[in-house]
Amino acid sequence: MGSNKETVITPRTSVIFPHYDSAGKLCAKVLIDGQFVSVDMSPTNMVDQSLRYFGSSLRGAFDGSKSILGEKISMPPVVVNERLKLYWFPTKSPSSDDCIWLSLGHIYKYVKVDKGHTKVILTDGSSVTIPLSLHSFERRYQRAGMLKLIIEGRIRQHAYYEQANGVTYSISKDAKKRNFDVSES
């Protein structure tokens, strides 16, 4: 198992779960390409640092998700990076030391283990059993899928544009130097 002081979520990252180091500090174990890596920060801090790396923050990602999915949602999924299709969701409150983070894109399927546990099979063939009921897992998984569907639909809707006919415009201050005048050049 590798060790790393700091890491950023990438398309190769699939699960982040809490782990206490030998000194009792909350850190993270991260599943990357089927291998566990130790990270010297909590899982939620790692998600926040990854969001900041890509130009956002956990607070901003939560606010954005809630504005899309509904303000009353607790524990919303987040978009770490839309272009890389990095959609993640927490299993518990992100402020909880027991919060596990899962990548939507790495989940192949999931099955109930017992009343309070769900086995998540990942696209690389590995699996993790998490302490979350099937019902709660499905709700979080479906919210993350809905967030992805809505965002990608909005992007497709605005991705097509007509190219201008090569018109050149000149923008200059008017005589009173208050407003700008726009004219074709």
N, C-alpha and C. Protein backbone atom coordinates (compact mmCIF):
# COMPACT_ATOMS: atom_id res chain seq x y z
N MET A 1 0.84 -1.16 0.00
CA MET A 1 0.00 0.00 0.00
C MET A 1 0.89 1.23 0.00
N GLY A 2 0.64 2.15 -0.93
CA GLY A 2 1.42 3.37 -1.03
C GLY A 2 1.00 4.40 0.01
N SER A 3 1.81 5.42 0.14
CA SER A 3 1.50 6.50 1.05
C SER A 3 1.78 7.82 0.35
N ASN A 4 0.97 8.82 0.63
CA ASN A 4 1.09 10.10 -0.04
C ASN A 4 0.66 11.19 0.91
N LYS A 5 1.38 12.29 0.97
CA LYS A 5 1.02 13.40 1.86
C LYS A 5 -0.27 14.07 1.38
N GLU A 6 -0.41 14.24 0.08
CA GLU A 6 -1.56 14.95 -0.45
C GLU A 6 -1.89 14.36 -1.81
N THR A 7 -3.14 14.24 -2.09
CA THR A 7 -3.54 13.73 -3.39
C THR A 7 -4.81 14.42 -3.84
N VAL A 8 -5.06 14.37 -5.12
CA VAL A 8 -6.23 14.98 -5.73
C VAL A 8 -7.03 13.86 -6.39
N ILE A 9 -8.35 13.96 -6.30
CA ILE A 9 -9.21 13.00 -6.98
C ILE A 9 -8.99 13.10 -8.48
N THR A 10 -8.81 11.94 -9.10
CA THR A 10 -8.64 11.87 -10.55
C THR A 10 -9.64 10.84 -11.08
N PRO A 11 -9.71 10.66 -12.38
CA PRO A 11 -10.59 9.63 -12.92
C PRO A 11 -10.23 8.21 -12.45
N ARG A 12 -9.05 8.02 -11.91
CA ARG A 12 -8.61 6.71 -11.43
C ARG A 12 -9.01 6.45 -9.99
N THR A 13 -9.50 7.48 -9.28
CA THR A 13 -9.88 7.36 -7.87
C THR A 13 -11.32 6.86 -7.77
N SER A 14 -11.55 5.84 -6.91
CA SER A 14 -12.90 5.27 -6.84
C SER A 14 -13.56 5.36 -5.47
N VAL A 15 -12.81 5.24 -4.39
CA VAL A 15 -13.38 5.26 -3.04
C VAL A 15 -12.41 5.97 -2.10
N ILE A 16 -12.96 6.75 -1.18
CA ILE A 16 -12.17 7.39 -0.13
C ILE A 16 -12.85 7.07 1.19
N PHE A 17 -12.13 6.44 2.11
CA PHE A 17 -12.75 6.12 3.39
C PHE A 17 -11.84 6.51 4.55
N PRO A 18 -12.44 6.72 5.73
CA PRO A 18 -11.66 7.19 6.87
C PRO A 18 -10.78 6.10 7.47
N HIS A 19 -9.67 6.55 8.01
CA HIS A 19 -8.70 5.66 8.64
C HIS A 19 -7.90 6.48 9.65
N TYR A 20 -7.72 5.95 10.83
CA TYR A 20 -6.90 6.65 11.83
C TYR A 20 -5.48 6.12 11.77
N ASP A 21 -4.52 7.05 11.71
CA ASP A 21 -3.12 6.61 11.68
C ASP A 21 -2.67 6.20 13.08
N SER A 22 -1.41 5.80 13.21
CA SER A 22 -0.90 5.29 14.48
C SER A 22 -0.92 6.34 15.59
N ALA A 23 -0.95 7.62 15.23
CA ALA A 23 -1.01 8.69 16.23
C ALA A 23 -2.45 9.08 16.57
N GLY A 24 -3.42 8.41 15.93
CA GLY A 24 -4.82 8.70 16.20
C GLY A 24 -5.41 9.82 15.34
N LYS A 25 -4.68 10.26 14.33
CA LYS A 25 -5.16 11.33 13.44
C LYS A 25 -6.07 10.74 12.36
N LEU A 26 -7.19 11.42 12.10
CA LEU A 26 -8.10 10.99 11.04
C LEU A 26 -7.45 11.27 9.69
N CYS A 27 -7.26 10.22 8.92
CA CYS A 27 -6.66 10.31 7.59
C CYS A 27 -7.61 9.61 6.61
N ALA A 28 -7.12 9.37 5.43
CA ALA A 28 -7.93 8.70 4.41
C ALA A 28 -7.17 7.54 3.79
N LYS A 29 -7.92 6.51 3.45
CA LYS A 29 -7.44 5.44 2.59
C LYS A 29 -8.17 5.65 1.28
N VAL A 30 -7.42 5.65 0.21
CA VAL A 30 -7.97 5.98 -1.10
C VAL A 30 -7.72 4.81 -2.04
N LEU A 31 -8.78 4.38 -2.72
CA LEU A 31 -8.66 3.29 -3.70
C LEU A 31 -8.42 3.91 -5.07
N ILE A 32 -7.21 3.69 -5.59
CA ILE A 32 -6.82 4.23 -6.89
C ILE A 32 -6.34 3.05 -7.75
N ASP A 33 -7.01 2.82 -8.86
CA ASP A 33 -6.64 1.71 -9.75
C ASP A 33 -6.49 0.39 -8.99
N GLY A 34 -7.40 0.13 -8.06
CA GLY A 34 -7.39 -1.13 -7.33
C GLY A 34 -6.36 -1.22 -6.23
N GLN A 35 -5.63 -0.15 -5.96
CA GLN A 35 -4.61 -0.14 -4.91
C GLN A 35 -4.97 0.91 -3.86
N PHE A 36 -4.76 0.58 -2.60
CA PHE A 36 -5.03 1.55 -1.54
C PHE A 36 -3.81 2.43 -1.29
N VAL A 37 -4.07 3.72 -1.15
CA VAL A 37 -3.05 4.71 -0.85
C VAL A 37 -3.48 5.43 0.42
N SER A 38 -2.56 5.68 1.33
CA SER A 38 -2.84 6.45 2.54
C SER A 38 -2.62 7.93 2.24
N VAL A 39 -3.55 8.74 2.70
CA VAL A 39 -3.46 10.18 2.49
C VAL A 39 -3.55 10.87 3.85
N ASP A 40 -2.68 11.83 4.08
CA ASP A 40 -2.56 12.49 5.36
C ASP A 40 -3.57 13.64 5.51
N MET A 41 -4.84 13.34 5.27
CA MET A 41 -5.94 14.28 5.51
C MET A 41 -7.21 13.46 5.56
N SER A 42 -8.25 14.03 6.15
CA SER A 42 -9.52 13.31 6.25
C SER A 42 -10.14 13.15 4.86
N PRO A 43 -11.04 12.19 4.71
CA PRO A 43 -11.70 12.02 3.41
C PRO A 43 -12.40 13.30 2.92
N THR A 44 -13.12 13.96 3.82
CA THR A 44 -13.83 15.17 3.41
C THR A 44 -12.87 16.29 3.06
N ASN A 45 -11.76 16.41 3.78
CA ASN A 45 -10.75 17.41 3.42
C ASN A 45 -10.13 17.10 2.07
N MET A 46 -9.96 15.82 1.77
CA MET A 46 -9.42 15.44 0.47
C MET A 46 -10.37 15.84 -0.66
N VAL A 47 -11.68 15.62 -0.44
CA VAL A 47 -12.67 16.04 -1.44
C VAL A 47 -12.63 17.55 -1.60
N ASP A 48 -12.58 18.29 -0.48
CA ASP A 48 -12.52 19.74 -0.54
C ASP A 48 -11.26 20.22 -1.25
N GLN A 49 -10.12 19.63 -0.93
CA GLN A 49 -8.86 20.02 -1.59
C GLN A 49 -8.91 19.72 -3.09
N SER A 50 -9.54 18.62 -3.46
CA SER A 50 -9.67 18.28 -4.88
C SER A 50 -10.56 19.29 -5.59
N LEU A 51 -11.65 19.66 -4.94
CA LEU A 51 -12.53 20.69 -5.52
C LEU A 51 -11.78 22.01 -5.67
N ARG A 52 -10.99 22.38 -4.68
CA ARG A 52 -10.22 23.62 -4.75
C ARG A 52 -9.17 23.54 -5.87
N TYR A 53 -8.58 22.38 -6.05
CA TYR A 53 -7.61 22.18 -7.12
C TYR A 53 -8.25 22.48 -8.48
N PHE A 54 -9.51 22.08 -8.62
CA PHE A 54 -10.22 22.30 -9.88
C PHE A 54 -11.02 23.61 -9.89
N GLY A 55 -10.85 24.46 -8.87
CA GLY A 55 -11.43 25.79 -8.89
C GLY A 55 -12.73 25.98 -8.14
N SER A 56 -13.06 25.11 -7.22
CA SER A 56 -14.29 25.26 -6.45
C SER A 56 -13.97 25.00 -4.98
N SER A 57 -14.95 24.61 -4.22
CA SER A 57 -14.77 24.21 -2.82
C SER A 57 -15.93 23.31 -2.45
N LEU A 58 -15.82 22.65 -1.33
CA LEU A 58 -16.90 21.76 -0.91
C LEU A 58 -18.18 22.56 -0.67
N ARG A 59 -18.06 23.71 -0.03
CA ARG A 59 -19.24 24.56 0.21
C ARG A 59 -19.89 24.96 -1.11
N GLY A 60 -19.08 25.41 -2.07
CA GLY A 60 -19.60 25.81 -3.37
C GLY A 60 -20.23 24.64 -4.12
N ALA A 61 -19.60 23.47 -4.03
CA ALA A 61 -20.14 22.28 -4.70
C ALA A 61 -21.47 21.87 -4.09
N PHE A 62 -21.56 21.92 -2.75
CA PHE A 62 -22.83 21.61 -2.09
C PHE A 62 -23.91 22.60 -2.51
N ASP A 63 -23.57 23.89 -2.51
CA ASP A 63 -24.54 24.91 -2.89
C ASP A 63 -25.01 24.71 -4.33
N GLY A 64 -24.07 24.40 -5.22
CA GLY A 64 -24.43 24.17 -6.62
C GLY A 64 -25.33 22.96 -6.78
N SER A 65 -25.00 21.88 -6.09
CA SER A 65 -25.81 20.66 -6.17
C SER A 65 -27.22 20.90 -5.63
N LYS A 66 -27.30 21.62 -4.52
CA LYS A 66 -28.61 21.91 -3.93
C LYS A 66 -29.44 22.81 -4.84
N SER A 67 -28.80 23.73 -5.54
CA SER A 67 -29.57 24.60 -6.44
C SER A 67 -30.12 23.81 -7.62
N ILE A 68 -29.45 22.73 -7.98
CA ILE A 68 -29.92 21.89 -9.09
C ILE A 68 -30.92 20.85 -8.62
N LEU A 69 -30.64 20.19 -7.50
CA LEU A 69 -31.46 19.06 -7.03
C LEU A 69 -32.55 19.45 -6.04
N GLY A 70 -32.42 20.62 -5.43
CA GLY A 70 -33.39 21.05 -4.42
C GLY A 70 -32.68 21.40 -3.13
N GLU A 71 -33.07 22.50 -2.57
CA GLU A 71 -32.40 23.04 -1.38
C GLU A 71 -32.52 22.14 -0.15
N LYS A 72 -33.54 21.32 -0.09
CA LYS A 72 -33.78 20.53 1.13
C LYS A 72 -32.97 19.24 1.19
N ILE A 73 -32.17 18.98 0.18
CA ILE A 73 -31.38 17.75 0.15
C ILE A 73 -30.25 17.84 1.18
N SER A 74 -30.16 16.81 2.00
CA SER A 74 -29.01 16.74 2.89
C SER A 74 -27.99 15.80 2.26
N MET A 75 -26.75 16.01 2.55
CA MET A 75 -25.66 15.19 2.01
C MET A 75 -25.71 15.10 0.49
N PRO A 76 -25.72 16.24 -0.20
CA PRO A 76 -25.81 16.20 -1.66
C PRO A 76 -24.53 15.66 -2.30
N PRO A 77 -24.67 15.11 -3.50
CA PRO A 77 -23.48 14.71 -4.25
C PRO A 77 -22.75 15.97 -4.71
N VAL A 78 -21.51 15.81 -5.17
CA VAL A 78 -20.75 16.96 -5.66
C VAL A 78 -20.13 16.64 -7.01
N VAL A 79 -19.90 17.68 -7.78
CA VAL A 79 -19.18 17.56 -9.04
C VAL A 79 -17.76 18.05 -8.76
N VAL A 80 -16.83 17.12 -8.69
CA VAL A 80 -15.44 17.51 -8.46
C VAL A 80 -14.89 18.15 -9.73
N ASN A 81 -15.21 17.56 -10.88
CA ASN A 81 -14.82 18.13 -12.16
C ASN A 81 -15.76 17.57 -13.22
N GLU A 82 -16.54 18.44 -13.84
CA GLU A 82 -17.53 17.99 -14.82
C GLU A 82 -16.87 17.45 -16.07
N ARG A 83 -15.84 18.11 -16.53
CA ARG A 83 -15.19 17.70 -17.78
C ARG A 83 -14.59 16.29 -17.66
N LEU A 84 -14.07 15.97 -16.47
CA LEU A 84 -13.52 14.64 -16.23
C LEU A 84 -14.57 13.65 -15.74
N LYS A 85 -15.82 14.13 -15.64
CA LYS A 85 -16.95 13.31 -15.19
C LYS A 85 -16.72 12.75 -13.78
N LEU A 86 -16.22 13.60 -12.89
CA LEU A 86 -15.95 13.21 -11.51
C LEU A 86 -17.11 13.64 -10.62
N TYR A 87 -18.09 12.76 -10.48
CA TYR A 87 -19.25 12.97 -9.64
C TYR A 87 -19.10 12.06 -8.42
N TRP A 88 -19.14 12.65 -7.22
CA TRP A 88 -18.90 11.92 -5.98
C TRP A 88 -20.05 12.13 -5.01
N PHE A 89 -20.26 11.15 -4.13
CA PHE A 89 -21.28 11.32 -3.11
C PHE A 89 -20.82 10.73 -1.78
N PRO A 90 -21.28 11.35 -0.68
CA PRO A 90 -20.92 10.87 0.66
C PRO A 90 -21.92 9.84 1.16
N THR A 91 -21.46 8.92 2.01
CA THR A 91 -22.37 7.94 2.59
C THR A 91 -23.05 8.47 3.84
N LYS A 92 -22.42 9.42 4.50
CA LYS A 92 -22.95 10.04 5.71
C LYS A 92 -22.69 11.52 5.61
N SER A 93 -23.05 12.25 6.66
CA SER A 93 -22.73 13.67 6.68
C SER A 93 -21.23 13.84 6.50
N PRO A 94 -20.81 14.72 5.59
CA PRO A 94 -19.38 14.93 5.38
C PRO A 94 -18.64 15.41 6.62
N SER A 95 -19.35 15.94 7.59
CA SER A 95 -18.70 16.37 8.84
C SER A 95 -18.48 15.19 9.79
N SER A 96 -19.06 14.04 9.47
CA SER A 96 -18.90 12.84 10.29
C SER A 96 -17.55 12.18 10.01
N ASP A 97 -16.89 11.74 11.05
CA ASP A 97 -15.63 11.02 10.89
C ASP A 97 -15.82 9.69 10.18
N ASP A 98 -17.05 9.20 10.10
CA ASP A 98 -17.35 7.91 9.46
C ASP A 98 -17.75 8.03 7.99
N CYS A 99 -17.66 9.23 7.43
CA CYS A 99 -18.12 9.46 6.06
C CYS A 99 -17.17 8.81 5.05
N ILE A 100 -17.76 8.02 4.16
CA ILE A 100 -17.05 7.41 3.04
C ILE A 100 -17.52 8.13 1.78
N TRP A 101 -16.61 8.39 0.85
CA TRP A 101 -16.95 9.04 -0.41
C TRP A 101 -16.79 8.03 -1.54
N LEU A 102 -17.76 8.03 -2.46
CA LEU A 102 -17.76 7.09 -3.59
C LEU A 102 -17.87 7.84 -4.92
N SER A 103 -17.16 7.33 -5.90
CA SER A 103 -17.21 7.89 -7.25
C SER A 103 -18.35 7.24 -8.02
N LEU A 104 -19.27 8.04 -8.51
CA LEU A 104 -20.40 7.53 -9.27
C LEU A 104 -19.93 6.73 -10.49
N GLY A 105 -18.94 7.21 -11.18
CA GLY A 105 -18.48 6.58 -12.41
C GLY A 105 -17.79 5.24 -12.22
N HIS A 106 -17.40 4.91 -11.01
CA HIS A 106 -16.71 3.64 -10.76
C HIS A 106 -17.65 2.55 -10.25
N ILE A 107 -18.91 2.87 -10.05
CA ILE A 107 -19.84 1.88 -9.50
C ILE A 107 -20.46 1.07 -10.65
N TYR A 108 -20.20 -0.24 -10.60
CA TYR A 108 -20.75 -1.14 -11.60
C TYR A 108 -22.13 -1.63 -11.17
N LYS A 109 -22.22 -2.11 -9.93
CA LYS A 109 -23.49 -2.52 -9.36
C LYS A 109 -23.34 -2.61 -7.85
N TYR A 110 -24.44 -2.86 -7.18
CA TYR A 110 -24.43 -2.94 -5.72
C TYR A 110 -25.48 -3.93 -5.27
N VAL A 111 -25.23 -4.56 -4.12
CA VAL A 111 -26.16 -5.55 -3.58
C VAL A 111 -26.26 -5.40 -2.06
N LYS A 112 -27.40 -5.77 -1.56
CA LYS A 112 -27.62 -5.75 -0.12
C LYS A 112 -26.84 -6.89 0.53
N VAL A 113 -26.12 -6.57 1.60
CA VAL A 113 -25.43 -7.59 2.38
C VAL A 113 -26.31 -7.99 3.55
N ASP A 114 -26.75 -6.99 4.31
CA ASP A 114 -27.70 -7.18 5.40
C ASP A 114 -28.41 -5.84 5.62
N LYS A 115 -29.16 -5.73 6.69
CA LYS A 115 -29.98 -4.54 6.92
C LYS A 115 -29.18 -3.23 6.89
N GLY A 116 -27.95 -3.26 7.34
CA GLY A 116 -27.17 -2.02 7.44
C GLY A 116 -25.92 -1.96 6.58
N HIS A 117 -25.77 -2.90 5.64
CA HIS A 117 -24.56 -2.93 4.82
C HIS A 117 -24.89 -3.18 3.35
N THR A 118 -24.12 -2.53 2.49
CA THR A 118 -24.27 -2.69 1.05
C THR A 118 -22.91 -3.00 0.45
N LYS A 119 -22.88 -3.96 -0.44
CA LYS A 119 -21.65 -4.29 -1.16
C LYS A 119 -21.68 -3.55 -2.49
N VAL A 120 -20.62 -2.77 -2.73
CA VAL A 120 -20.51 -1.99 -3.96
C VAL A 120 -19.44 -2.64 -4.83
N ILE A 121 -19.85 -3.08 -6.01
CA ILE A 121 -18.92 -3.68 -6.96
C ILE A 121 -18.49 -2.58 -7.91
N LEU A 122 -17.18 -2.43 -8.04
CA LEU A 122 -16.62 -1.35 -8.85
C LEU A 122 -16.32 -1.83 -10.25
N THR A 123 -16.15 -0.90 -11.16
CA THR A 123 -15.93 -1.24 -12.57
C THR A 123 -14.64 -2.01 -12.81
N ASP A 124 -13.68 -1.92 -11.88
CA ASP A 124 -12.43 -2.66 -12.05
C ASP A 124 -12.52 -4.08 -11.49
N GLY A 125 -13.70 -4.46 -10.99
CA GLY A 125 -13.91 -5.80 -10.45
C GLY A 125 -13.74 -5.90 -8.95
N SER A 126 -13.11 -4.90 -8.33
CA SER A 126 -12.98 -4.93 -6.88
C SER A 126 -14.31 -4.53 -6.24
N SER A 127 -14.43 -4.78 -4.95
CA SER A 127 -15.67 -4.43 -4.27
C SER A 127 -15.35 -3.94 -2.85
N VAL A 128 -16.26 -3.14 -2.33
CA VAL A 128 -16.15 -2.66 -0.95
C VAL A 128 -17.52 -2.84 -0.31
N THR A 129 -17.53 -3.26 0.92
CA THR A 129 -18.78 -3.34 1.68
C THR A 129 -18.80 -2.16 2.63
N ILE A 130 -19.86 -1.38 2.53
CA ILE A 130 -19.94 -0.15 3.33
C ILE A 130 -21.08 -0.25 4.34
N PRO A 131 -20.92 0.41 5.48
CA PRO A 131 -21.96 0.39 6.51
C PRO A 131 -23.09 1.37 6.19
N LEU A 132 -23.93 1.00 5.23
CA LEU A 132 -25.05 1.82 4.79
C LEU A 132 -26.11 0.89 4.23
N SER A 133 -27.35 1.10 4.62
CA SER A 133 -28.42 0.24 4.12
C SER A 133 -28.56 0.40 2.61
N LEU A 134 -29.11 -0.61 1.97
CA LEU A 134 -29.31 -0.57 0.53
C LEU A 134 -30.19 0.62 0.15
N HIS A 135 -31.26 0.86 0.90
CA HIS A 135 -32.16 1.98 0.61
C HIS A 135 -31.42 3.32 0.65
N SER A 136 -30.64 3.55 1.69
CA SER A 136 -29.90 4.81 1.82
C SER A 136 -28.85 4.93 0.72
N PHE A 137 -28.18 3.83 0.42
CA PHE A 137 -27.18 3.85 -0.65
C PHE A 137 -27.85 4.20 -1.97
N GLU A 138 -28.96 3.55 -2.30
CA GLU A 138 -29.65 3.81 -3.57
C GLU A 138 -30.08 5.26 -3.69
N ARG A 139 -30.58 5.83 -2.60
CA ARG A 139 -31.01 7.23 -2.62
C ARG A 139 -29.83 8.15 -2.96
N ARG A 140 -28.69 7.93 -2.34
CA ARG A 140 -27.52 8.76 -2.60
C ARG A 140 -26.97 8.53 -4.02
N TYR A 141 -26.94 7.28 -4.43
CA TYR A 141 -26.48 6.92 -5.77
C TYR A 141 -27.37 7.56 -6.84
N GLN A 142 -28.68 7.48 -6.64
CA GLN A 142 -29.62 8.05 -7.61
C GLN A 142 -29.53 9.57 -7.68
N ARG A 143 -29.31 10.21 -6.53
CA ARG A 143 -29.14 11.67 -6.53
C ARG A 143 -27.90 12.06 -7.34
N ALA A 144 -26.81 11.33 -7.15
CA ALA A 144 -25.59 11.62 -7.90
C ALA A 144 -25.83 11.41 -9.40
N GLY A 145 -26.55 10.35 -9.76
CA GLY A 145 -26.88 10.11 -11.15
C GLY A 145 -27.76 11.19 -11.73
N MET A 146 -28.70 11.68 -10.93
CA MET A 146 -29.59 12.75 -11.38
C MET A 146 -28.80 14.05 -11.59
N LEU A 147 -27.89 14.34 -10.67
CA LEU A 147 -27.05 15.53 -10.81
C LEU A 147 -26.25 15.46 -12.11
N LYS A 148 -25.64 14.32 -12.37
CA LYS A 148 -24.86 14.13 -13.60
C LYS A 148 -25.75 14.30 -14.84
N LEU A 149 -26.92 13.69 -14.82
CA LEU A 149 -27.84 13.77 -15.95
C LEU A 149 -28.26 15.22 -16.23
N ILE A 150 -28.62 15.95 -15.19
CA ILE A 150 -29.07 17.34 -15.36
C ILE A 150 -27.93 18.22 -15.87
N ILE A 151 -26.76 18.10 -15.26
CA ILE A 151 -25.63 18.95 -15.67
C ILE A 151 -25.23 18.65 -17.11
N GLU A 152 -25.11 17.38 -17.45
CA GLU A 152 -24.73 17.03 -18.82
C GLU A 152 -25.79 17.47 -19.83
N GLY A 153 -27.06 17.40 -19.44
CA GLY A 153 -28.13 17.89 -20.32
C GLY A 153 -28.04 19.39 -20.54
N ARG A 154 -27.74 20.12 -19.48
CA ARG A 154 -27.60 21.57 -19.60
C ARG A 154 -26.42 21.94 -20.48
N ILE A 155 -25.35 21.20 -20.35
CA ILE A 155 -24.17 21.47 -21.16
C ILE A 155 -24.46 21.19 -22.63
N ARG A 156 -25.11 20.07 -22.91
CA ARG A 156 -25.47 19.75 -24.31
C ARG A 156 -26.38 20.82 -24.89
N GLN A 157 -27.29 21.30 -24.07
CA GLN A 157 -28.24 22.31 -24.53
C GLN A 157 -27.53 23.58 -24.96
N HIS A 158 -26.44 23.92 -24.31
CA HIS A 158 -25.74 25.17 -24.61
C HIS A 158 -24.46 24.97 -25.42
N ALA A 159 -24.15 23.74 -25.76
CA ALA A 159 -22.90 23.46 -26.46
C ALA A 159 -22.94 23.84 -27.93
N TYR A 160 -24.12 23.92 -28.48
CA TYR A 160 -24.24 24.24 -29.89
C TYR A 160 -24.49 25.72 -30.06
N TYR A 161 -23.69 26.33 -30.86
CA TYR A 161 -23.86 27.75 -31.12
C TYR A 161 -23.55 27.99 -32.58
N GLU A 162 -24.09 29.08 -33.08
CA GLU A 162 -23.83 29.44 -34.47
C GLU A 162 -22.65 30.39 -34.51
N GLN A 163 -21.75 30.14 -35.42
CA GLN A 163 -20.60 31.01 -35.56
C GLN A 163 -21.04 32.29 -36.24
N ALA A 164 -20.54 33.41 -35.74
CA ALA A 164 -20.88 34.72 -36.33
C ALA A 164 -20.35 34.78 -37.76
N ASN A 165 -20.94 35.65 -38.56
CA ASN A 165 -20.56 35.77 -39.96
C ASN A 165 -19.31 36.62 -40.14
N GLY A 166 -18.41 36.57 -39.24
CA GLY A 166 -17.16 37.30 -39.39
C GLY A 166 -17.31 38.80 -39.23
N VAL A 167 -18.31 39.25 -38.51
CA VAL A 167 -18.51 40.67 -38.31
C VAL A 167 -17.52 41.16 -37.27
N THR A 168 -16.92 42.32 -37.51
CA THR A 168 -15.99 42.92 -36.57
C THR A 168 -16.68 44.12 -35.94
N TYR A 169 -16.58 44.23 -34.65
CA TYR A 169 -17.19 45.33 -33.92
C TYR A 169 -16.12 46.21 -33.31
N SER A 170 -16.43 47.46 -33.20
CA SER A 170 -15.55 48.43 -32.54
C SER A 170 -16.29 48.92 -31.30
N ILE A 171 -15.61 48.85 -30.17
CA ILE A 171 -16.20 49.30 -28.91
C ILE A 171 -15.38 50.48 -28.42
N SER A 172 -16.04 51.61 -28.21
CA SER A 172 -15.32 52.81 -27.76
C SER A 172 -16.20 53.61 -26.81
N LYS A 173 -15.55 54.44 -26.00
CA LYS A 173 -16.28 55.29 -25.06
C LYS A 173 -16.98 56.40 -25.84
N ASP A 174 -18.17 56.78 -25.37
CA ASP A 174 -18.87 57.88 -26.02
C ASP A 174 -18.22 59.21 -25.62
N ALA A 175 -18.70 60.30 -26.19
CA ALA A 175 -18.10 61.62 -25.97
C ALA A 175 -18.11 62.02 -24.50
N LYS A 176 -19.13 61.65 -23.75
CA LYS A 176 -19.23 62.01 -22.33
C LYS A 176 -18.43 61.06 -21.44
N LYS A 177 -17.85 60.02 -22.05
CA LYS A 177 -17.03 59.02 -21.35
C LYS A 177 -17.78 58.28 -20.24
N ARG A 178 -19.08 58.08 -20.50
CA ARG A 178 -19.88 57.33 -19.54
C ARG A 178 -20.19 55.93 -20.04
N ASN A 179 -20.65 55.87 -21.26
CA ASN A 179 -21.06 54.59 -21.83
C ASN A 179 -20.14 54.21 -22.98
N PHE A 180 -20.30 53.00 -23.43
CA PHE A 180 -19.56 52.52 -24.59
C PHE A 180 -20.47 52.52 -25.81
N ASP A 181 -19.92 52.85 -26.94
CA ASP A 181 -20.62 52.74 -28.22
C ASP A 181 -20.11 51.49 -28.92
N VAL A 182 -21.00 50.79 -29.57
CA VAL A 182 -20.63 49.60 -30.32
C VAL A 182 -21.07 49.83 -31.76
N SER A 183 -20.13 49.65 -32.68
CA SER A 183 -20.46 49.80 -34.10
C SER A 183 -19.71 48.76 -34.91
N GLU A 184 -20.29 48.43 -36.06
CA GLU A 184 -19.61 47.47 -36.93
C GLU A 184 -18.46 48.19 -37.60
N SER A 185 -17.34 47.49 -37.69
CA SER A 185 -16.16 48.09 -38.33
C SER A 185 -16.07 47.68 -39.77
